[in-house]
């Protein structure tokens, strides 16, 4: 599983069984549509797995992450991953920002 930073600052997450070849393909414009339009790209993070299905699973997991969470991973700040995984509404609720988190039709206790 790997993460590329594109020329526009966006991130592309992929998986492969030959990282060197895949990077060369991306740089040559033979990679994904996302990277073709945003060359050059730079490898900013990778993880190695014994099996491609494990790498593919991890790729799909990381693709669903927010930019901040990806950046925490890229920068080796794994302790920040749970914090940056919270949605804004969750942070607001945890800090007491919402008066009533229950459904409007739910009886008050």
C-alpha atoms as a PDB file:
ATOM      1  CA  UNK A   1       0.000   0.000   0.000  1.00  0.00           C
ATOM      2  CA  UNK A   2       1.365   3.393  -0.895  1.00  0.00           C
ATOM      3  CA  UNK A   3       0.425   7.063  -0.807  1.00  0.00           C
ATOM      4  CA  UNK A   4       1.540   9.545  -3.449  1.00  0.00           C
ATOM      5  CA  UNK A   5       1.442  13.307  -3.181  1.00  0.00           C
ATOM      6  CA  UNK A   6       0.409  14.828  -6.486  1.00  0.00           C
ATOM      7  CA  UNK A   7       1.599  18.149  -7.928  1.00  0.00           C
ATOM      8  CA  UNK A   8      -1.634  19.839  -6.800  1.00  0.00           C
ATOM      9  CA  UNK A   9      -1.103  18.664  -3.199  1.00  0.00           C
ATOM     10  CA  UNK A  10      -3.760  15.937  -3.349  1.00  0.00           C
ATOM     11  CA  UNK A  11      -3.057  12.387  -2.205  1.00  0.00           C
ATOM     12  CA  UNK A  12      -3.469   9.176  -4.144  1.00  0.00           C
ATOM     13  CA  UNK A  13      -3.584   5.839  -2.318  1.00  0.00           C
ATOM     14  CA  UNK A  14      -2.894   2.596  -4.159  1.00  0.00           C
ATOM     15  CA  UNK A  15      -1.539  -0.909  -3.781  1.00  0.00           C
ATOM     16  CA  UNK A  16       0.787  -3.002  -5.894  1.00  0.00           C
ATOM     17  CA  UNK A  17       3.100  -5.988  -5.754  1.00  0.00           C
ATOM     18  CA  UNK A  18       5.915  -3.999  -7.412  1.00  0.00           C
ATOM     19  CA  UNK A  19       6.218  -0.493  -5.992  1.00  0.00           C
ATOM     20  CA  UNK A  20       9.181   0.584  -8.144  1.00  0.00           C
ATOM     21  CA  UNK A  21       7.416  -0.374 -11.367  1.00  0.00           C
ATOM     22  CA  UNK A  22       4.138   1.184 -10.261  1.00  0.00           C
ATOM     23  CA  UNK A  23       5.840   4.483  -9.382  1.00  0.00           C
ATOM     24  CA  UNK A  24       7.489   4.547 -12.807  1.00  0.00           C
ATOM     25  CA  UNK A  25       4.096   3.924 -14.402  1.00  0.00           C
ATOM     26  CA  UNK A  26       2.534   6.790 -12.459  1.00  0.00           C
ATOM     27  CA  UNK A  27       5.368   9.165 -13.419  1.00  0.00           C
ATOM     28  CA  UNK A  28       5.026   8.155 -17.086  1.00  0.00           C
ATOM     29  CA  UNK A  29       1.318   9.004 -17.034  1.00  0.00           C
ATOM     30  CA  UNK A  30       0.335   5.329 -17.198  1.00  0.00           C
ATOM     31  CA  UNK A  31      -1.119   5.233 -13.714  1.00  0.00           C
ATOM     32  CA  UNK A  32      -4.565   6.137 -12.465  1.00  0.00           C
ATOM     33  CA  UNK A  33      -6.566   8.972 -14.016  1.00  0.00           C
ATOM     34  CA  UNK A  34      -6.139  10.960 -10.800  1.00  0.00           C
ATOM     35  CA  UNK A  35      -2.331  10.936 -11.038  1.00  0.00           C
ATOM     36  CA  UNK A  36      -2.162  11.335 -14.840  1.00  0.00           C
ATOM     37  CA  UNK A  37      -3.638  14.791 -14.521  1.00  0.00           C
ATOM     38  CA  UNK A  38      -1.465  15.790 -11.555  1.00  0.00           C
ATOM     39  CA  UNK A  39       2.120  14.956 -12.489  1.00  0.00           C
ATOM     40  CA  UNK A  40       4.699  14.771 -11.149  1.00  0.00           C
ATOM     41  CA  UNK A  41       3.884  12.628  -8.129  1.00  0.00           C
ATOM     42  CA  UNK A  42       6.018  11.901  -5.091  1.00  0.00           C
ATOM     43  CA  UNK A  43       5.973   8.802  -2.892  1.00  0.00           C
ATOM     44  CA  UNK A  44       5.287   9.997   0.648  1.00  0.00           C
ATOM     45  CA  UNK A  45       4.366   6.760   2.435  1.00  0.00           C
ATOM     46  CA  UNK A  46       4.256   3.001   1.961  1.00  0.00           C
ATOM     47  CA  UNK A  47       3.575  -0.199   3.889  1.00  0.00           C
ATOM     48  CA  UNK A  48       4.609  -3.694   2.844  1.00  0.00           C
ATOM     49  CA  UNK A  49       2.376  -6.750   3.121  1.00  0.00           C
ATOM     50  CA  UNK A  50       3.049 -10.422   2.482  1.00  0.00           C
ATOM     51  CA  UNK A  51      -0.127 -10.735   0.402  1.00  0.00           C
ATOM     52  CA  UNK A  52      -1.631  -8.339  -2.136  1.00  0.00           C
ATOM     53  CA  UNK A  53      -5.141  -8.839  -0.737  1.00  0.00           C
ATOM     54  CA  UNK A  54      -3.924  -7.480   2.607  1.00  0.00           C
ATOM     55  CA  UNK A  55      -2.406  -4.446   0.866  1.00  0.00           C
ATOM     56  CA  UNK A  56      -5.614  -3.934  -1.114  1.00  0.00           C
ATOM     57  CA  UNK A  57      -7.687  -4.080   2.085  1.00  0.00           C
ATOM     58  CA  UNK A  58      -5.414  -1.474   3.701  1.00  0.00           C
ATOM     59  CA  UNK A  59      -5.576   0.682   0.556  1.00  0.00           C
ATOM     60  CA  UNK A  60      -9.367   0.782   0.723  1.00  0.00           C
ATOM     61  CA  UNK A  61      -9.233   1.583   4.436  1.00  0.00           C
ATOM     62  CA  UNK A  62      -6.844   4.509   3.995  1.00  0.00           C
ATOM     63  CA  UNK A  63      -8.704   5.813   0.920  1.00  0.00           C
ATOM     64  CA  UNK A  64     -11.689   6.454   3.178  1.00  0.00           C
ATOM     65  CA  UNK A  65      -9.691   8.561   5.602  1.00  0.00           C
ATOM     66  CA  UNK A  66      -9.720  12.329   5.841  1.00  0.00           C
ATOM     67  CA  UNK A  67      -6.764  14.330   4.600  1.00  0.00           C
ATOM     68  CA  UNK A  68      -5.733  15.093   8.196  1.00  0.00           C
ATOM     69  CA  UNK A  69      -5.747  11.423   9.123  1.00  0.00           C
ATOM     70  CA  UNK A  70      -3.666  10.525   6.048  1.00  0.00           C
ATOM     71  CA  UNK A  71      -1.195  13.261   6.952  1.00  0.00           C
ATOM     72  CA  UNK A  72      -0.890  11.921  10.504  1.00  0.00           C
ATOM     73  CA  UNK A  73      -0.036   8.505   9.028  1.00  0.00           C
ATOM     74  CA  UNK A  74       2.408   9.986   6.502  1.00  0.00           C
ATOM     75  CA  UNK A  75       4.135  12.032   9.216  1.00  0.00           C
ATOM     76  CA  UNK A  76       4.469   9.088  11.588  1.00  0.00           C
ATOM     77  CA  UNK A  77       2.062  10.570  14.126  1.00  0.00           C
ATOM     78  CA  UNK A  78       0.117   7.381  14.807  1.00  0.00           C
ATOM     79  CA  UNK A  79      -0.881   8.681  18.243  1.00  0.00           C
ATOM     80  CA  UNK A  80      -3.001  11.334  16.470  1.00  0.00           C
ATOM     81  CA  UNK A  81      -4.975   8.844  14.352  1.00  0.00           C
ATOM     82  CA  UNK A  82      -7.859   8.354  16.829  1.00  0.00           C
ATOM     83  CA  UNK A  83      -8.131  12.106  17.409  1.00  0.00           C
ATOM     84  CA  UNK A  84      -8.188  13.065  13.724  1.00  0.00           C
ATOM     85  CA  UNK A  85     -10.621  10.254  13.008  1.00  0.00           C
ATOM     86  CA  UNK A  86     -13.379  12.072  14.898  1.00  0.00           C
ATOM     87  CA  UNK A  87     -15.845  13.988  12.787  1.00  0.00           C
ATOM     88  CA  UNK A  88     -16.413  17.650  13.602  1.00  0.00           C
ATOM     89  CA  UNK A  89     -19.865  16.898  14.976  1.00  0.00           C
ATOM     90  CA  UNK A  90     -18.367  14.311  17.353  1.00  0.00           C
ATOM     91  CA  UNK A  91     -15.744  16.733  18.636  1.00  0.00           C
ATOM     92  CA  UNK A  92     -18.422  19.366  19.166  1.00  0.00           C
ATOM     93  CA  UNK A  93     -20.619  16.899  21.057  1.00  0.00           C
ATOM     94  CA  UNK A  94     -17.752  15.667  23.249  1.00  0.00           C
ATOM     95  CA  UNK A  95     -16.869  19.224  24.214  1.00  0.00           C
ATOM     96  CA  UNK A  96     -20.459  19.912  25.297  1.00  0.00           C
ATOM     97  CA  UNK A  97     -21.265  21.943  22.206  1.00  0.00           C
ATOM     98  CA  UNK A  98     -24.684  20.403  21.644  1.00  0.00           C
ATOM     99  CA  UNK A  99     -27.388  20.895  24.213  1.00  0.00           C
ATOM    100  CA  UNK A 100     -29.362  17.813  23.269  1.00  0.00           C
ATOM    101  CA  UNK A 101     -27.927  14.841  21.402  1.00  0.00           C
ATOM    102  CA  UNK A 102     -31.117  12.775  21.566  1.00  0.00           C
ATOM    103  CA  UNK A 103     -33.733  12.459  18.866  1.00  0.00           C
ATOM    104  CA  UNK A 104     -36.474  15.146  19.123  1.00  0.00           C
ATOM    105  CA  UNK A 105     -39.177  12.487  19.669  1.00  0.00           C
ATOM    106  CA  UNK A 106     -37.185  10.646  22.322  1.00  0.00           C
ATOM    107  CA  UNK A 107     -38.457  11.146  25.877  1.00  0.00           C
ATOM    108  CA  UNK A 108     -36.228  13.243  28.107  1.00  0.00           C
ATOM    109  CA  UNK A 109     -34.826  11.549  31.205  1.00  0.00           C
END
